[in-house]
Amino acid sequence: MENKKEKRGQFTSKLGFVLAASGSAVGLGNLWRFPFTAGANGGGAFVLVYFVILFIIGFTLMLGELSMGRATMLSPIGAYRKLKSKYAWIGVLGVAAGFLILSFYSVIGGWVIRYLVKAVSGDFNVTDGAVLGELFTDFIQNPLEPLVYHGIFMALTVLIVIGGVAKGIERYSKIMMPSLFVMLILLMIRSLTLPGAMEGVKFLLIPDFSKINAEVILAAMGQVFFSLSLGMGTMITYGSYLDKEQNLISSAMEIPLIDTIVALVAGLVILPAVFSFGFNPEGGPGLLFITLPAVFSQMPLGGFFAVMFFILVLFAALTSSISILEVVVSYAVDERGWSRKFSTVTLAAVIFVMGIPSSLGQGLWSHVRFFGRDILDNVDFLASNVFLPLGGLLMCLFIGWVWGVDKAIDEVTNHGKLSFPLKGFWTVMIKYVAPIGILFVFAQATGLLELILGA
């Protein structure tokens, strides 16, 4: 076992692990999904519900995945197999989700690199959102250019992951995550000093309790679930690289906390600026590639802040992409006996090819649609709305009813060395509350809830 652990690598410090795991959670979802989801669901009302759910369900699933990873020191498929051999198929969902998510995530990461290049070149001198919308559409519909940037983003991800856990993922997370925090704070300060910015702050932070309804609660639960990279085996994989003395309880609290701080500060970067210049806070993904470039073009020193912002977004995208690629690489190393270098390059190439239809589906293959969605949206839907919720649901049921909560708690407490005052609460959550909550998210995301209620 010791030899295998050394071969697989290990985080060298708790700080390195927390930053890497937080980086996995902090991604594009924090920088555009959180602000526009909050905007579409009542602002402060959404944020309040989000916080409550985050520290209940987010903590519960995070601790569950970390405990499984460290107990087995294996990737998701191997972890389930070691704990209960006939349940290895649950881990397959996580690995499959990793392939699917990174295939389209890398395409969007490529868009970020292209916009960073545009920012450095000083191209954001257009204030008309309609014109910027046309520029964005022309770019993503180009059959070749987005693929080039898709390849560049995947190559950057490979360069980090191929270095291994300590020399790759941990080292670069220690650089990118602090840099991300610094840039976020600077951008937040600039945004808050814009005329009329306080309207955006009020919208984000002051809850209107009348707007809290089932739809807002479900939206907040979905944001928590997907933001924390839960249900796809990332935290099982990262947990497998921890030594037996690490405090999983504190880590499972710190990672959601960091993720939430980033999401909240991102909201304080984007929404005050959006309100200041009179744009729509419900702008969806267009907030990132259309609305914000328009904002930067009207802002003093806007070119400088545009460059800083898209570097920030790139770092956030990379800290997530390396964790997703690590899930599939760890599978190949653990289950297939491949070398890390061969696994990383080969699987990244496969994922790049898988992403080509998602890219072409924005233009050349835009006529290819299923269920009213283009190729990228269908891949996103399958991975995010089916595989991830199912993975999280099955993980809770597996720990609660198959592996056993007592065994998980024994791992969490370092075999009785650590105090765990919340073990009663966590037991109820992992066995009952979290599965029911996730089931509702799954039913809503797939349309089953509407079908059931309609019936």
Protein backbone atom coordinates (compact mmCIF):
# COMPACT_ATOMS: atom_id res chain seq x y z
CA MET A 1 0.00 0.00 0.00
CA GLU A 2 2.76 2.46 0.80
CA ASN A 3 4.41 1.89 -2.56
CA LYS A 4 1.14 2.43 -4.36
CA LYS A 5 0.51 5.63 -2.44
CA GLU A 6 3.94 6.97 -3.37
CA LYS A 7 3.39 6.03 -6.99
CA ARG A 8 0.05 7.82 -7.10
CA GLY A 9 1.40 10.92 -5.40
CA GLN A 10 0.22 12.83 -2.35
CA PHE A 11 -0.52 16.38 -1.31
CA THR A 12 2.41 17.69 0.71
CA SER A 13 0.43 20.08 2.92
CA LYS A 14 -3.09 20.82 4.07
CA LEU A 15 -2.86 24.28 2.49
CA GLY A 16 -1.95 22.75 -0.86
CA PHE A 17 -4.88 20.34 -0.65
CA VAL A 18 -7.42 22.98 0.42
CA LEU A 19 -6.31 25.33 -2.35
CA ALA A 20 -6.43 22.55 -4.95
CA ALA A 21 -9.83 21.31 -3.78
CA SER A 22 -11.16 24.87 -3.56
CA GLY A 23 -9.79 25.48 -7.04
CA SER A 24 -11.77 22.49 -8.25
CA ALA A 25 -14.93 24.04 -6.82
CA VAL A 26 -14.07 27.57 -7.99
CA GLY A 27 -14.66 27.72 -11.72
CA LEU A 28 -16.67 29.40 -14.42
CA GLY A 29 -19.81 28.68 -12.42
CA ASN A 30 -18.69 31.07 -9.67
CA LEU A 31 -17.79 33.89 -12.02
CA TRP A 32 -20.86 33.95 -14.22
CA ARG A 33 -23.38 31.27 -13.15
CA PHE A 34 -23.67 32.49 -9.55
CA PRO A 35 -24.22 36.18 -10.42
CA PHE A 36 -26.79 35.57 -13.15
CA THR A 37 -28.54 32.78 -11.19
CA ALA A 38 -28.80 35.17 -8.26
CA GLY A 39 -30.02 37.84 -10.66
CA ALA A 40 -32.73 35.56 -12.04
CA ASN A 41 -33.88 34.38 -8.60
CA GLY A 42 -34.38 37.49 -6.52
CA GLY A 43 -30.80 38.50 -5.66
CA GLY A 44 -30.46 38.55 -1.88
CA ALA A 45 -33.26 36.02 -1.41
CA PHE A 46 -31.33 33.52 -3.52
CA VAL A 47 -28.04 34.26 -1.72
CA LEU A 48 -29.61 33.67 1.70
CA VAL A 49 -31.08 30.32 0.69
CA TYR A 50 -27.81 29.40 -1.05
CA PHE A 51 -25.81 29.96 2.13
CA VAL A 52 -28.13 27.80 4.22
CA ILE A 53 -28.09 24.92 1.75
CA LEU A 54 -24.33 25.21 1.20
CA PHE A 55 -23.47 24.60 4.83
CA ILE A 56 -25.93 21.74 5.13
CA ILE A 57 -25.88 19.68 1.95
CA GLY A 58 -22.54 21.00 0.60
CA PHE A 59 -20.69 20.08 3.79
CA THR A 60 -22.42 16.70 3.96
CA LEU A 61 -21.47 15.56 0.46
CA MET A 62 -17.99 17.05 0.64
CA LEU A 63 -17.16 15.14 3.82
CA GLY A 64 -18.66 11.95 2.39
CA GLU A 65 -16.53 12.01 -0.76
CA LEU A 66 -13.34 12.91 1.11
CA SER A 67 -13.87 10.06 3.59
CA MET A 68 -14.30 7.52 0.79
CA GLY A 69 -11.20 8.74 -1.02
CA ARG A 70 -8.89 8.67 1.95
CA ALA A 71 -10.25 5.38 3.28
CA THR A 72 -9.43 3.61 0.02
CA MET A 73 -6.62 5.78 -1.45
CA LEU A 74 -8.10 5.02 -4.87
CA SER A 75 -9.94 6.81 -7.68
CA PRO A 76 -13.80 6.66 -7.73
CA ILE A 77 -14.22 3.27 -9.44
CA GLY A 78 -11.53 1.63 -7.30
CA ALA A 79 -12.89 3.27 -4.15
CA TYR A 80 -16.38 1.86 -4.61
CA ARG A 81 -14.97 -1.53 -5.61
CA LYS A 82 -12.73 -1.70 -2.54
CA LEU A 83 -15.50 -0.76 -0.14
CA LYS A 84 -18.15 -2.99 -1.77
CA SER A 85 -17.07 -4.68 -4.99
CA LYS A 86 -20.45 -4.92 -6.71
CA TYR A 87 -20.97 -1.13 -6.46
CA ALA A 88 -17.96 -0.16 -8.61
CA TRP A 89 -20.42 0.90 -11.33
CA ILE A 90 -21.31 4.00 -9.28
CA GLY A 91 -17.75 5.26 -9.74
CA VAL A 92 -18.13 4.78 -13.48
CA LEU A 93 -20.68 7.63 -13.45
CA GLY A 94 -18.05 9.99 -12.05
CA VAL A 95 -15.41 9.06 -14.62
CA ALA A 96 -17.96 9.32 -17.45
CA ALA A 97 -19.09 12.71 -16.16
CA GLY A 98 -15.45 13.84 -16.14
CA PHE A 99 -15.04 12.97 -19.82
CA LEU A 100 -18.26 14.72 -20.80
CA ILE A 101 -17.85 17.84 -18.67
CA LEU A 102 -14.25 18.53 -19.65
CA SER A 103 -15.05 18.02 -23.35
CA PHE A 104 -17.32 21.09 -23.41
CA TYR A 105 -15.72 22.92 -20.47
CA SER A 106 -12.48 23.06 -22.46
CA VAL A 107 -14.35 24.60 -25.38
CA ILE A 108 -15.64 27.39 -23.12
CA GLY A 109 -12.15 27.69 -21.57
CA GLY A 110 -10.89 28.29 -25.09
CA TRP A 111 -13.39 31.13 -25.47
CA VAL A 112 -11.94 32.67 -22.29
CA ILE A 113 -8.40 32.53 -23.73
CA ARG A 114 -9.63 34.19 -26.93
CA TYR A 115 -11.23 36.99 -24.94
CA LEU A 116 -8.07 37.38 -22.87
CA VAL A 117 -6.15 37.84 -26.14
CA LYS A 118 -8.73 40.43 -27.24
CA ALA A 119 -8.40 42.24 -23.91
CA VAL A 120 -4.60 42.33 -24.17
CA SER A 121 -4.92 43.63 -27.73
CA GLY A 122 -7.21 46.43 -26.55
CA ASP A 123 -10.16 45.28 -28.65
CA PHE A 124 -12.80 46.09 -26.02
CA ASN A 125 -13.60 49.57 -27.25
CA VAL A 126 -17.22 48.83 -28.21
CA THR A 127 -19.97 50.00 -25.86
CA ASP A 128 -22.93 48.58 -27.79
CA GLY A 129 -23.99 45.24 -26.32
CA ALA A 130 -25.65 44.24 -29.60
CA VAL A 131 -22.40 44.72 -31.52
CA LEU A 132 -20.47 42.74 -28.90
CA GLY A 133 -23.11 40.04 -29.13
CA GLU A 134 -22.56 39.79 -32.88
CA LEU A 135 -18.77 39.62 -32.38
CA PHE A 136 -19.19 36.79 -29.89
CA THR A 137 -21.57 34.91 -32.17
CA ASP A 138 -19.24 35.32 -35.16
CA PHE A 139 -16.35 33.90 -33.12
CA ILE A 140 -18.10 30.81 -31.72
CA GLN A 141 -19.62 30.04 -35.14
CA ASN A 142 -16.21 30.01 -36.81
CA PRO A 143 -15.44 26.33 -37.52
CA LEU A 144 -11.68 26.53 -36.88
CA GLU A 145 -10.70 29.35 -34.50
CA PRO A 146 -12.60 28.08 -31.41
CA LEU A 147 -11.05 24.63 -31.93
CA VAL A 148 -7.56 26.16 -31.84
CA TYR A 149 -8.30 27.82 -28.50
CA HIS A 150 -10.01 24.63 -27.26
CA GLY A 151 -6.72 22.85 -27.98
CA ILE A 152 -4.66 25.55 -26.23
CA PHE A 153 -6.82 25.32 -23.11
CA MET A 154 -6.54 21.52 -23.05
CA ALA A 155 -2.77 21.75 -23.53
CA LEU A 156 -2.46 24.08 -20.51
CA THR A 157 -4.51 21.60 -18.46
CA VAL A 158 -2.25 18.73 -19.56
CA LEU A 159 0.93 20.62 -18.66
CA ILE A 160 -0.28 20.97 -15.08
CA VAL A 161 -1.76 17.50 -14.56
CA ILE A 162 1.20 15.69 -16.14
CA GLY A 163 3.39 17.06 -13.32
CA GLY A 164 1.53 14.92 -10.81
CA VAL A 165 -0.18 15.79 -7.54
CA ALA A 166 2.54 17.66 -5.67
CA LYS A 167 4.62 19.08 -8.53
CA GLY A 168 1.66 19.75 -10.82
CA ILE A 169 -1.76 20.25 -9.26
CA GLU A 170 -0.65 21.42 -5.81
CA ARG A 171 2.17 23.67 -7.06
CA TYR A 172 0.03 25.52 -9.61
CA SER A 173 -2.98 25.73 -7.29
CA LYS A 174 -0.75 27.53 -4.77
CA ILE A 175 0.01 30.07 -7.49
CA MET A 176 -3.34 30.42 -9.21
CA MET A 177 -5.70 30.47 -6.21
CA PRO A 178 -3.98 33.29 -4.25
CA SER A 179 -3.61 35.23 -7.52
CA LEU A 180 -7.29 34.69 -8.19
CA PHE A 181 -8.22 36.04 -4.74
CA VAL A 182 -6.04 39.15 -5.17
CA MET A 183 -7.48 39.93 -8.60
CA LEU A 184 -11.03 39.39 -7.36
CA ILE A 185 -10.54 41.82 -4.49
CA LEU A 186 -9.01 44.48 -6.76
CA LEU A 187 -11.83 44.12 -9.27
CA MET A 188 -14.44 44.23 -6.51
CA ILE A 189 -12.98 47.48 -5.15
CA ARG A 190 -13.04 48.99 -8.64
CA SER A 191 -16.59 47.83 -9.27
CA LEU A 192 -17.86 49.14 -5.95
CA THR A 193 -16.48 52.62 -6.70
CA LEU A 194 -18.53 52.98 -9.90
CA PRO A 195 -21.49 55.41 -9.89
CA GLY A 196 -24.69 53.62 -8.92
CA ALA A 197 -22.83 50.48 -7.85
CA MET A 198 -24.66 50.31 -4.53
CA GLU A 199 -27.86 49.32 -6.32
CA GLY A 200 -26.10 46.14 -7.40
CA VAL A 201 -24.86 45.55 -3.85
CA LYS A 202 -28.37 45.96 -2.44
CA PHE A 203 -29.76 43.64 -5.08
CA LEU A 204 -27.22 40.94 -4.17
CA LEU A 205 -27.12 41.23 -0.38
CA ILE A 206 -30.51 42.47 0.84
CA PRO A 207 -33.03 39.62 0.68
CA ASP A 208 -36.64 40.14 -0.28
CA PHE A 209 -38.22 37.32 1.70
CA SER A 210 -41.35 37.44 -0.43
CA LYS A 211 -39.30 36.09 -3.34
CA ILE A 212 -38.27 32.91 -1.52
CA ASN A 213 -40.25 30.08 -3.07
CA ALA A 214 -39.75 26.49 -4.19
CA GLU A 215 -38.15 27.59 -7.46
CA VAL A 216 -35.56 29.75 -5.68
CA ILE A 217 -34.78 26.97 -3.19
CA LEU A 218 -34.27 24.43 -5.97
CA ALA A 219 -32.13 26.88 -7.97
CA ALA A 220 -29.94 27.50 -4.92
CA MET A 221 -29.60 23.77 -4.23
CA GLY A 222 -28.61 23.15 -7.85
CA GLN A 223 -25.98 25.92 -7.71
CA VAL A 224 -24.49 24.48 -4.50
CA PHE A 225 -24.37 20.98 -5.91
CA PHE A 226 -22.72 21.83 -9.21
CA SER A 227 -20.45 24.58 -7.86
CA LEU A 228 -18.70 22.29 -5.39
CA SER A 229 -17.73 19.65 -7.99
CA LEU A 230 -19.73 17.03 -6.14
CA GLY A 231 -21.07 13.82 -7.61
CA MET A 232 -18.30 13.25 -10.17
CA GLY A 233 -15.63 11.77 -7.91
CA THR A 234 -13.30 14.79 -7.84
CA MET A 235 -13.26 14.96 -4.05
CA ILE A 236 -12.95 11.17 -3.81
CA THR A 237 -9.86 11.46 -6.03
CA TYR A 238 -8.37 14.39 -4.13
CA GLY A 239 -9.18 12.70 -0.81
CA SER A 240 -7.23 9.65 -1.95
CA TYR A 241 -4.07 11.80 -2.05
CA LEU A 242 -4.34 12.80 1.62
CA ASP A 243 -2.37 11.32 4.48
CA LYS A 244 -4.17 9.77 7.44
CA GLU A 245 -3.48 12.70 9.75
CA GLN A 246 -5.35 15.34 7.74
CA ASN A 247 -8.46 16.78 9.38
CA LEU A 248 -11.24 16.00 6.91
CA ILE A 249 -13.88 17.74 9.00
CA SER A 250 -12.23 21.15 8.86
CA SER A 251 -11.38 20.68 5.17
CA ALA A 252 -15.00 19.85 4.34
CA MET A 253 -15.99 23.15 5.99
CA GLU A 254 -13.20 25.29 4.55
CA ILE A 255 -13.63 24.27 0.90
CA PRO A 256 -17.34 25.25 0.65
CA LEU A 257 -16.54 28.43 2.60
CA ILE A 258 -13.81 29.46 0.15
CA ASP A 259 -16.02 28.58 -2.79
CA THR A 260 -18.82 30.72 -1.36
CA ILE A 261 -16.55 33.69 -0.68
CA VAL A 262 -15.34 33.58 -4.28
CA ALA A 263 -18.90 33.35 -5.61
CA LEU A 264 -20.04 36.23 -3.41
CA VAL A 265 -17.07 38.45 -4.30
CA ALA A 266 -17.64 37.59 -7.98
CA GLY A 267 -21.19 38.80 -7.53
CA LEU A 268 -19.81 42.03 -6.03
CA VAL A 269 -17.53 42.39 -9.05
CA ILE A 270 -20.16 41.78 -11.71
CA LEU A 271 -23.56 42.96 -10.44
CA PRO A 272 -22.52 46.47 -9.23
CA ALA A 273 -20.85 47.05 -12.61
CA VAL A 274 -23.89 45.73 -14.46
CA PHE A 275 -26.22 48.01 -12.48
CA SER A 276 -23.88 50.96 -12.83
CA PHE A 277 -24.05 50.83 -16.63
CA GLY A 278 -27.71 49.87 -16.85
CA PHE A 279 -27.42 46.31 -18.12
CA ASN A 280 -29.68 43.36 -17.32
CA PRO A 281 -28.55 41.34 -14.25
CA GLU A 282 -30.33 38.30 -15.72
CA GLY A 283 -28.08 38.29 -18.78
CA GLY A 284 -27.09 34.64 -18.39
CA PRO A 285 -23.81 33.41 -19.93
CA GLY A 286 -23.74 36.59 -21.99
CA LEU A 287 -22.72 38.44 -18.82
CA LEU A 288 -19.20 37.07 -19.27
CA PHE A 289 -18.63 37.51 -22.99
CA ILE A 290 -20.98 40.34 -23.96
CA THR A 291 -22.12 42.47 -21.02
CA LEU A 292 -18.80 42.72 -19.15
CA PRO A 293 -16.73 43.69 -22.22
CA ALA A 294 -19.26 46.50 -22.75
CA VAL A 295 -18.82 47.53 -19.12
CA PHE A 296 -15.02 47.51 -19.38
CA SER A 297 -15.16 49.66 -22.52
CA GLN A 298 -16.96 52.42 -20.56
CA MET A 299 -14.84 52.17 -17.43
CA PRO A 300 -11.76 54.33 -16.72
CA LEU A 301 -8.71 52.05 -17.10
CA GLY A 302 -11.17 49.53 -18.51
CA GLY A 303 -8.53 47.87 -20.68
CA PHE A 304 -6.37 47.07 -17.67
CA PHE A 305 -9.30 45.69 -15.68
CA ALA A 306 -10.50 43.67 -18.68
CA VAL A 307 -7.11 41.94 -18.89
CA MET A 308 -7.11 41.29 -15.14
CA PHE A 309 -10.66 39.93 -15.26
CA PHE A 310 -10.05 37.44 -18.06
CA ILE A 311 -6.80 36.25 -16.44
CA LEU A 312 -8.90 35.67 -13.33
CA VAL A 313 -11.51 33.73 -15.30
CA LEU A 314 -8.78 31.66 -17.00
CA PHE A 315 -7.23 30.73 -13.64
CA ALA A 316 -10.65 29.75 -12.29
CA ALA A 317 -11.33 27.62 -15.37
CA LEU A 318 -7.93 25.90 -15.15
CA THR A 319 -8.19 25.06 -11.44
CA SER A 320 -11.43 23.25 -12.27
CA SER A 321 -10.25 21.59 -15.48
CA ILE A 322 -7.16 20.08 -13.85
CA SER A 323 -9.33 18.47 -11.17
CA ILE A 324 -11.68 17.02 -13.79
CA LEU A 325 -8.82 15.63 -15.88
CA GLU A 326 -7.25 14.21 -12.71
CA VAL A 327 -10.38 12.10 -12.11
CA VAL A 328 -10.01 10.29 -15.44
CA VAL A 329 -6.21 10.13 -15.22
CA SER A 330 -6.33 8.59 -11.74
CA TYR A 331 -8.73 5.98 -13.11
CA ALA A 332 -6.25 5.02 -15.85
CA VAL A 333 -3.33 4.90 -13.38
CA ASP A 334 -5.25 2.93 -10.73
CA GLU A 335 -7.37 0.62 -12.84
CA ARG A 336 -5.38 0.24 -16.05
CA GLY A 337 -1.83 0.54 -14.75
CA TRP A 338 -0.94 3.25 -17.26
CA SER A 339 1.81 5.76 -16.54
CA ARG A 340 0.71 9.27 -15.56
CA LYS A 341 2.32 10.83 -18.64
CA PHE A 342 0.71 8.41 -21.07
CA SER A 343 -2.66 8.61 -19.29
CA THR A 344 -2.71 12.40 -19.25
CA VAL A 345 -1.75 12.93 -22.89
CA THR A 346 -3.90 10.10 -24.27
CA LEU A 347 -7.06 10.89 -22.31
CA ALA A 348 -6.72 14.62 -22.93
CA ALA A 349 -6.51 13.90 -26.67
CA VAL A 350 -9.67 11.79 -26.44
CA ILE A 351 -11.46 14.55 -24.53
CA PHE A 352 -10.31 17.15 -27.06
CA VAL A 353 -11.81 15.09 -29.89
CA MET A 354 -15.01 14.63 -27.85
CA GLY A 355 -15.23 18.42 -27.55
CA ILE A 356 -15.09 19.06 -31.31
CA PRO A 357 -18.86 18.44 -31.83
CA SER A 358 -19.68 20.83 -28.97
CA SER A 359 -17.60 23.53 -30.65
CA LEU A 360 -18.91 22.92 -34.16
CA GLY A 361 -22.43 22.75 -32.77
CA GLN A 362 -22.27 26.51 -32.25
CA GLY A 363 -21.86 27.12 -35.97
CA LEU A 364 -21.25 24.55 -38.70
CA TRP A 365 -23.39 21.92 -36.97
CA SER A 366 -25.84 24.32 -35.34
CA HIS A 367 -28.68 22.60 -37.19
CA VAL A 368 -28.00 19.42 -35.19
CA ARG A 369 -30.38 19.71 -32.26
CA PHE A 370 -31.96 17.27 -29.83
CA PHE A 371 -34.78 18.15 -27.44
CA GLY A 372 -34.48 21.76 -28.57
CA ARG A 373 -30.81 22.01 -27.50
CA ASP A 374 -27.58 22.23 -29.48
CA ILE A 375 -24.78 19.67 -29.06
CA LEU A 376 -22.90 21.54 -26.30
CA ASP A 377 -26.08 22.12 -24.29
CA ASN A 378 -27.06 18.46 -24.62
CA VAL A 379 -23.65 17.27 -23.40
CA ASP A 380 -23.86 19.77 -20.54
CA PHE A 381 -27.39 18.60 -19.71
CA LEU A 382 -26.43 14.91 -19.71
CA ALA A 383 -23.36 15.43 -17.52
CA SER A 384 -24.58 18.18 -15.18
CA ASN A 385 -28.26 17.32 -14.86
CA VAL A 386 -28.12 13.52 -15.01
CA PHE A 387 -24.69 12.08 -14.16
CA LEU A 388 -23.75 14.51 -11.36
CA PRO A 389 -27.02 14.39 -9.39
CA LEU A 390 -27.18 10.62 -9.77
CA GLY A 391 -23.55 10.33 -8.64
CA GLY A 392 -24.22 12.47 -5.57
CA LEU A 393 -27.45 10.67 -4.73
CA LEU A 394 -25.88 7.22 -5.05
CA MET A 395 -22.85 8.30 -3.02
CA CYS A 396 -25.11 9.36 -0.12
CA LEU A 397 -27.09 6.12 -0.29
CA PHE A 398 -23.88 4.09 -0.54
CA ILE A 399 -22.33 5.67 2.56
CA GLY A 400 -25.58 5.72 4.50
CA TRP A 401 -26.86 2.25 3.73
CA VAL A 402 -24.09 0.10 2.19
CA TRP A 403 -20.62 1.03 3.44
CA GLY A 404 -22.06 2.31 6.69
CA VAL A 405 -22.05 5.69 8.43
CA ASP A 406 -20.10 4.27 11.38
CA LYS A 407 -17.20 3.29 9.12
CA ALA A 408 -17.24 6.68 7.41
CA ILE A 409 -17.21 8.46 10.78
CA ASP A 410 -14.32 6.27 11.91
CA GLU A 411 -12.35 7.49 8.87
CA VAL A 412 -13.44 11.10 9.37
CA THR A 413 -12.33 11.13 13.01
CA ASN A 414 -8.96 9.55 12.18
CA HIS A 415 -10.07 6.41 14.00
CA GLY A 416 -11.29 8.24 17.08
CA LYS A 417 -8.46 10.78 17.40
CA LEU A 418 -10.60 13.77 16.35
CA SER A 419 -13.79 15.05 17.90
CA PHE A 420 -16.83 15.18 15.59
CA PRO A 421 -19.68 16.93 17.45
CA LEU A 422 -21.77 17.03 14.25
CA LYS A 423 -21.76 13.27 13.69
CA GLY A 424 -25.43 12.89 14.62
CA PHE A 425 -26.41 15.74 12.32
CA TRP A 426 -24.19 14.43 9.53
CA THR A 427 -25.66 10.92 9.87
CA VAL A 428 -29.20 12.21 9.39
CA MET A 429 -28.10 14.39 6.48
CA ILE A 430 -26.18 11.70 4.58
CA LYS A 431 -28.85 9.03 5.06
CA TYR A 432 -32.06 11.01 4.62
CA VAL A 433 -32.02 14.78 3.99
CA ALA A 434 -29.29 15.05 1.32
CA PRO A 435 -30.66 12.18 -0.83
CA ILE A 436 -34.15 13.69 -0.77
CA GLY A 437 -32.79 17.15 -1.60
CA ILE A 438 -30.66 15.85 -4.46
CA LEU A 439 -33.60 13.85 -5.76
CA PHE A 440 -35.61 17.07 -5.98
CA VAL A 441 -32.78 18.80 -7.86
CA PHE A 442 -32.54 15.87 -10.25
CA ALA A 443 -36.31 15.82 -10.78
CA GLN A 444 -36.37 19.56 -11.45
CA ALA A 445 -33.34 19.56 -13.75
CA THR A 446 -34.63 16.68 -15.87
CA GLY A 447 -38.21 17.94 -16.04
CA LEU A 448 -39.56 15.01 -14.00
CA LEU A 449 -40.79 17.33 -11.23
CA GLU A 450 -42.88 19.35 -13.65
CA LEU A 451 -44.20 16.14 -15.19
CA ILE A 452 -45.16 14.75 -11.79
CA LEU A 453 -46.76 17.97 -10.59
CA GLY A 454 -48.55 18.38 -13.91
CA ALA A 455 -49.97 14.91 -13.58
